[in-house]
Amino acid sequence: MPIIQIEGPVLSKEKKAELASKLTKTAQEVLNIPEQAFTVLIKENNMDNVAVGGQLLSERNK
């Protein structure tokens, strides 16, 4: 059972469904494993919880 994990910004339910579908389809095509075998885990990170170069993403571009 392959697991696809992705971390990114907060997404709508519709965007998460689209992302899971496209990731699964692409992985199935590359690995030649049935789509039903894949599990997709989406971790959403609020911009207040991520820092790059010591600066919170929420504080950038202010």
N, C-alpha and C. Protein backbone atom coordinates (compact mmCIF):
# COMPACT_ATOMS: atom_id res chain seq x y z
N MET A 1 0.84 -1.17 0.00
CA MET A 1 0.00 0.00 0.00
C MET A 1 0.89 1.24 0.00
N PRO A 2 1.12 1.86 -1.13
CA PRO A 2 1.92 3.08 -1.19
C PRO A 2 1.19 4.25 -0.52
N ILE A 3 1.98 5.08 0.16
CA ILE A 3 1.44 6.26 0.82
C ILE A 3 2.09 7.50 0.21
N ILE A 4 1.27 8.44 -0.20
CA ILE A 4 1.73 9.72 -0.72
C ILE A 4 1.43 10.76 0.36
N GLN A 5 2.48 11.47 0.81
CA GLN A 5 2.31 12.50 1.83
C GLN A 5 2.70 13.84 1.24
N ILE A 6 1.90 14.84 1.53
CA ILE A 6 2.21 16.18 1.06
C ILE A 6 1.88 17.19 2.15
N GLU A 7 2.76 18.17 2.31
CA GLU A 7 2.52 19.27 3.24
C GLU A 7 2.40 20.55 2.44
N GLY A 8 1.43 21.37 2.79
CA GLY A 8 1.24 22.61 2.06
C GLY A 8 0.33 23.55 2.81
N PRO A 9 -0.17 24.55 2.10
CA PRO A 9 -1.04 25.53 2.74
C PRO A 9 -2.43 24.96 3.00
N VAL A 10 -3.21 25.71 3.75
CA VAL A 10 -4.60 25.33 4.00
C VAL A 10 -5.36 25.39 2.67
N LEU A 11 -6.10 24.32 2.37
CA LEU A 11 -6.83 24.20 1.10
C LEU A 11 -8.31 23.95 1.36
N SER A 12 -9.12 24.29 0.38
CA SER A 12 -10.55 23.96 0.45
C SER A 12 -10.71 22.46 0.25
N LYS A 13 -11.85 21.94 0.65
CA LYS A 13 -12.14 20.52 0.47
C LYS A 13 -12.07 20.13 -1.00
N GLU A 14 -12.54 21.02 -1.87
CA GLU A 14 -12.52 20.76 -3.31
C GLU A 14 -11.09 20.65 -3.83
N LYS A 15 -10.20 21.55 -3.37
CA LYS A 15 -8.81 21.53 -3.81
C LYS A 15 -8.09 20.28 -3.29
N LYS A 16 -8.41 19.87 -2.06
CA LYS A 16 -7.81 18.65 -1.52
C LYS A 16 -8.25 17.43 -2.33
N ALA A 17 -9.51 17.39 -2.71
CA ALA A 17 -10.01 16.27 -3.51
C ALA A 17 -9.31 16.24 -4.88
N GLU A 18 -9.15 17.41 -5.49
CA GLU A 18 -8.47 17.50 -6.79
C GLU A 18 -7.00 17.06 -6.66
N LEU A 19 -6.33 17.52 -5.62
CA LEU A 19 -4.93 17.18 -5.40
C LEU A 19 -4.77 15.68 -5.18
N ALA A 20 -5.60 15.10 -4.34
CA ALA A 20 -5.53 13.66 -4.07
C ALA A 20 -5.76 12.85 -5.33
N SER A 21 -6.74 13.26 -6.12
CA SER A 21 -7.05 12.56 -7.36
C SER A 21 -5.89 12.60 -8.35
N LYS A 22 -5.32 13.78 -8.54
CA LYS A 22 -4.24 13.93 -9.52
C LYS A 22 -2.95 13.26 -9.05
N LEU A 23 -2.64 13.36 -7.75
CA LEU A 23 -1.45 12.67 -7.24
C LEU A 23 -1.59 11.16 -7.41
N THR A 24 -2.77 10.63 -7.09
CA THR A 24 -3.01 9.20 -7.20
C THR A 24 -2.91 8.75 -8.65
N LYS A 25 -3.54 9.49 -9.56
CA LYS A 25 -3.52 9.12 -10.97
C LYS A 25 -2.10 9.10 -11.53
N THR A 26 -1.33 10.13 -11.20
CA THR A 26 0.04 10.21 -11.70
C THR A 26 0.90 9.07 -11.13
N ALA A 27 0.77 8.81 -9.82
CA ALA A 27 1.54 7.74 -9.20
C ALA A 27 1.16 6.39 -9.80
N GLN A 28 -0.12 6.20 -10.06
CA GLN A 28 -0.58 4.94 -10.67
C GLN A 28 0.04 4.75 -12.04
N GLU A 29 0.08 5.81 -12.83
CA GLU A 29 0.66 5.73 -14.17
C GLU A 29 2.15 5.42 -14.13
N VAL A 30 2.86 6.04 -13.20
CA VAL A 30 4.31 5.85 -13.10
C VAL A 30 4.66 4.48 -12.53
N LEU A 31 3.96 4.08 -11.47
CA LEU A 31 4.30 2.85 -10.77
C LEU A 31 3.54 1.62 -11.26
N ASN A 32 2.51 1.84 -12.06
CA ASN A 32 1.69 0.74 -12.59
C ASN A 32 1.10 -0.11 -11.45
N ILE A 33 0.58 0.59 -10.45
CA ILE A 33 -0.10 -0.04 -9.32
C ILE A 33 -1.54 0.49 -9.34
N PRO A 34 -2.53 -0.34 -9.03
CA PRO A 34 -3.92 0.13 -9.05
C PRO A 34 -4.14 1.35 -8.15
N GLU A 35 -4.96 2.28 -8.61
CA GLU A 35 -5.25 3.50 -7.85
C GLU A 35 -5.77 3.19 -6.45
N GLN A 36 -6.52 2.10 -6.32
CA GLN A 36 -7.13 1.74 -5.04
C GLN A 36 -6.08 1.39 -3.98
N ALA A 37 -4.85 1.15 -4.39
CA ALA A 37 -3.79 0.78 -3.44
C ALA A 37 -3.17 1.99 -2.76
N PHE A 38 -3.39 3.19 -3.29
CA PHE A 38 -2.73 4.38 -2.78
C PHE A 38 -3.51 5.05 -1.65
N THR A 39 -2.78 5.54 -0.68
CA THR A 39 -3.33 6.38 0.38
C THR A 39 -2.66 7.73 0.28
N VAL A 40 -3.44 8.81 0.33
CA VAL A 40 -2.90 10.17 0.26
C VAL A 40 -3.14 10.85 1.60
N LEU A 41 -2.07 11.38 2.18
CA LEU A 41 -2.16 12.12 3.43
C LEU A 41 -1.80 13.58 3.14
N ILE A 42 -2.71 14.48 3.49
CA ILE A 42 -2.49 15.91 3.26
C ILE A 42 -2.38 16.60 4.61
N LYS A 43 -1.25 17.24 4.83
CA LYS A 43 -1.04 18.00 6.07
C LYS A 43 -1.05 19.47 5.71
N GLU A 44 -1.97 20.20 6.32
CA GLU A 44 -2.09 21.63 6.05
C GLU A 44 -1.31 22.42 7.10
N ASN A 45 -0.56 23.38 6.63
CA ASN A 45 0.23 24.22 7.52
C ASN A 45 -0.23 25.67 7.40
N ASN A 46 -0.67 26.21 8.52
CA ASN A 46 -1.02 27.62 8.56
C ASN A 46 0.25 28.44 8.40
N MET A 47 0.18 29.57 7.72
CA MET A 47 1.36 30.38 7.47
C MET A 47 1.98 30.91 8.76
N ASP A 48 1.23 30.91 9.87
CA ASP A 48 1.79 31.29 11.17
C ASP A 48 2.68 30.19 11.75
N ASN A 49 2.59 28.99 11.20
CA ASN A 49 3.33 27.84 11.73
C ASN A 49 4.52 27.44 10.86
N VAL A 50 4.85 28.25 9.86
CA VAL A 50 5.96 27.93 8.97
C VAL A 50 6.87 29.15 8.87
N ALA A 51 8.17 28.91 9.03
CA ALA A 51 9.14 29.99 8.90
C ALA A 51 10.19 29.60 7.87
N VAL A 52 10.62 30.56 7.08
CA VAL A 52 11.70 30.38 6.11
C VAL A 52 12.72 31.46 6.39
N GLY A 53 13.96 31.06 6.54
CA GLY A 53 15.00 32.03 6.85
C GLY A 53 14.77 32.76 8.15
N GLY A 54 14.13 32.09 9.10
CA GLY A 54 13.88 32.68 10.41
C GLY A 54 12.69 33.61 10.48
N GLN A 55 11.94 33.72 9.38
CA GLN A 55 10.79 34.63 9.35
C GLN A 55 9.52 33.85 9.03
N LEU A 56 8.47 34.08 9.84
CA LEU A 56 7.18 33.43 9.58
C LEU A 56 6.66 33.82 8.21
N LEU A 57 6.08 32.86 7.51
CA LEU A 57 5.51 33.17 6.19
C LEU A 57 4.42 34.23 6.31
N SER A 58 3.69 34.22 7.41
CA SER A 58 2.62 35.20 7.60
C SER A 58 3.15 36.63 7.73
N GLU A 59 4.44 36.76 8.08
CA GLU A 59 5.04 38.09 8.25
C GLU A 59 5.74 38.58 6.99
N ARG A 60 5.90 37.72 6.01
CA ARG A 60 6.55 38.11 4.77
C ARG A 60 5.58 38.95 3.93
N ASN A 61 6.10 39.83 3.15
CA ASN A 61 5.32 40.68 2.24
C ASN A 61 4.36 41.60 2.97
N LYS A 62 4.69 41.98 4.20
CA LYS A 62 3.84 42.93 4.90
C LYS A 62 4.40 44.31 4.73
